[in-house]
Amino acid sequence: MTVYRFKSRETGDLVMLRPHGKRLLEILGKDPEVPGVLLPDDIPRAIEAIRAAVVAEEAEHKRQTEEAQASGEEAQPEADSVSLRMRSAPFIEMLERCRKAGVEVTWGV
């Protein structure tokens, strides 16, 4: 599988490259290697988990930048120039719409 396809009855499919979809599923505590479902009751916790991971990533990036500046080094450009915040935004939007509609999100099926 080179992509993850997240599906719901409320939204169009959301397609993510494998590394990015896998990371989101790992943040949610889901096995990225098997098909799965996120039920409407689980969606609020999923959104909270993703937002917490975004905050943690941004704090770590800030810490690394400050350390580099303090030691007189130039901050290293990130290998992945698109942040988790940007990559997760469409998924969070999908989750919010599905929560409001009371429908599940599936992948790998």
Protein backbone atom coordinates (compact mmCIF):
# COMPACT_ATOMS: atom_id res chain seq x y z
CA MET A 1 0.00 0.00 0.00
CA THR A 2 1.50 3.32 -1.03
CA VAL A 3 -1.36 5.44 0.30
CA TYR A 4 -3.96 5.40 3.02
CA ARG A 5 -7.54 6.12 1.98
CA PHE A 6 -9.78 7.34 4.79
CA LYS A 7 -13.48 7.01 3.97
CA SER A 8 -16.78 8.14 5.42
CA ARG A 9 -20.36 8.55 4.32
CA GLU A 10 -20.20 12.25 5.24
CA THR A 11 -17.12 13.39 3.30
CA GLY A 12 -15.19 12.50 0.21
CA ASP A 13 -12.26 10.13 0.57
CA LEU A 14 -9.11 11.56 2.11
CA VAL A 15 -5.94 10.11 0.59
CA MET A 16 -2.58 10.39 2.35
CA LEU A 17 0.83 9.09 1.43
CA ARG A 18 1.76 6.08 3.54
CA PRO A 19 4.23 7.75 5.95
CA HIS A 20 1.77 10.51 6.84
CA GLY A 21 -1.29 8.29 7.19
CA LYS A 22 0.71 5.80 9.24
CA ARG A 23 1.88 8.52 11.61
CA LEU A 24 -1.68 9.74 12.20
CA LEU A 25 -2.91 6.21 12.89
CA GLU A 26 -0.05 5.64 15.32
CA ILE A 27 -0.96 8.88 17.12
CA LEU A 28 -4.48 7.48 17.45
CA GLY A 29 -3.15 4.21 18.84
CA LYS A 30 -4.38 2.27 15.80
CA ASP A 31 -2.45 -0.48 14.01
CA PRO A 32 -1.55 1.11 10.65
CA GLU A 33 -1.06 -2.30 9.03
CA VAL A 34 -4.68 -3.46 9.28
CA PRO A 35 -8.02 -2.04 8.18
CA GLY A 36 -9.82 -0.10 10.85
CA VAL A 37 -12.69 2.06 11.90
CA LEU A 38 -13.03 5.11 14.07
CA LEU A 39 -16.50 5.25 15.61
CA PRO A 40 -18.28 8.58 16.18
CA ASP A 41 -17.92 8.25 19.97
CA ASP A 42 -14.14 7.84 19.57
CA ILE A 43 -13.67 10.87 17.32
CA PRO A 44 -13.39 13.57 20.03
CA ARG A 45 -10.52 11.65 21.69
CA ALA A 46 -8.90 11.16 18.29
CA ILE A 47 -8.99 14.89 17.57
CA GLU A 48 -7.55 15.64 21.02
CA ALA A 49 -4.72 13.13 20.46
CA ILE A 50 -3.79 14.67 17.11
CA ARG A 51 -3.88 18.20 18.50
CA ALA A 52 -1.69 17.15 21.44
CA ALA A 53 0.81 15.60 19.02
CA VAL A 54 0.86 18.83 17.01
CA VAL A 55 1.59 20.86 20.15
CA ALA A 56 4.35 18.43 21.16
CA GLU A 57 5.94 18.56 17.69
CA GLU A 58 5.89 22.35 17.66
CA ALA A 59 7.37 22.55 21.16
CA GLU A 60 10.17 20.17 20.17
CA HIS A 61 10.91 22.17 17.02
CA LYS A 62 11.03 25.39 19.06
CA ARG A 63 13.35 23.77 21.62
CA GLN A 64 15.73 22.56 18.91
CA THR A 65 15.76 25.96 17.23
CA GLU A 66 16.48 27.74 20.51
CA GLU A 67 19.29 25.30 21.35
CA ALA A 68 20.85 25.83 17.94
CA GLN A 69 20.65 29.60 18.28
CA ALA A 70 22.08 29.51 21.81
CA SER A 71 25.09 27.52 20.64
CA GLY A 72 25.61 29.80 17.64
CA GLU A 73 24.62 27.16 15.13
CA GLU A 74 22.28 27.64 12.28
CA ALA A 75 18.99 25.85 12.81
CA GLN A 76 18.77 22.72 10.70
CA PRO A 77 15.97 22.73 8.16
CA GLU A 78 13.40 20.07 8.89
CA ALA A 79 13.60 16.98 6.71
CA ASP A 80 9.83 17.10 6.39
CA SER A 81 9.06 20.70 5.51
CA VAL A 82 5.31 20.26 6.00
CA SER A 83 4.39 20.21 9.67
CA LEU A 84 2.07 17.76 11.37
CA ARG A 85 -0.31 20.69 11.89
CA MET A 86 -0.62 21.16 8.13
CA ARG A 87 -0.77 17.45 7.31
CA SER A 88 -3.40 16.71 9.94
CA ALA A 89 -5.71 19.66 9.17
CA PRO A 90 -7.74 17.89 6.44
CA PHE A 91 -8.03 14.77 8.61
CA ILE A 92 -9.22 16.77 11.62
CA GLU A 93 -11.76 18.53 9.40
CA MET A 94 -12.98 15.14 8.19
CA LEU A 95 -13.22 13.85 11.75
CA GLU A 96 -15.16 16.91 12.92
CA ARG A 97 -17.68 16.59 10.09
CA CYS A 98 -18.11 12.87 10.78
CA ARG A 99 -18.58 13.48 14.50
CA LYS A 100 -21.33 16.01 13.81
CA ALA A 101 -23.02 13.63 11.35
CA GLY A 102 -22.61 10.63 13.66
CA VAL A 103 -20.79 8.49 11.10
CA GLU A 104 -17.61 6.45 11.31
CA VAL A 105 -14.31 6.85 9.45
CA THR A 106 -12.75 3.74 7.96
CA TRP A 107 -9.44 2.88 6.28
CA GLY A 108 -8.01 -0.11 4.53
CA VAL A 109 -11.39 -1.59 3.69
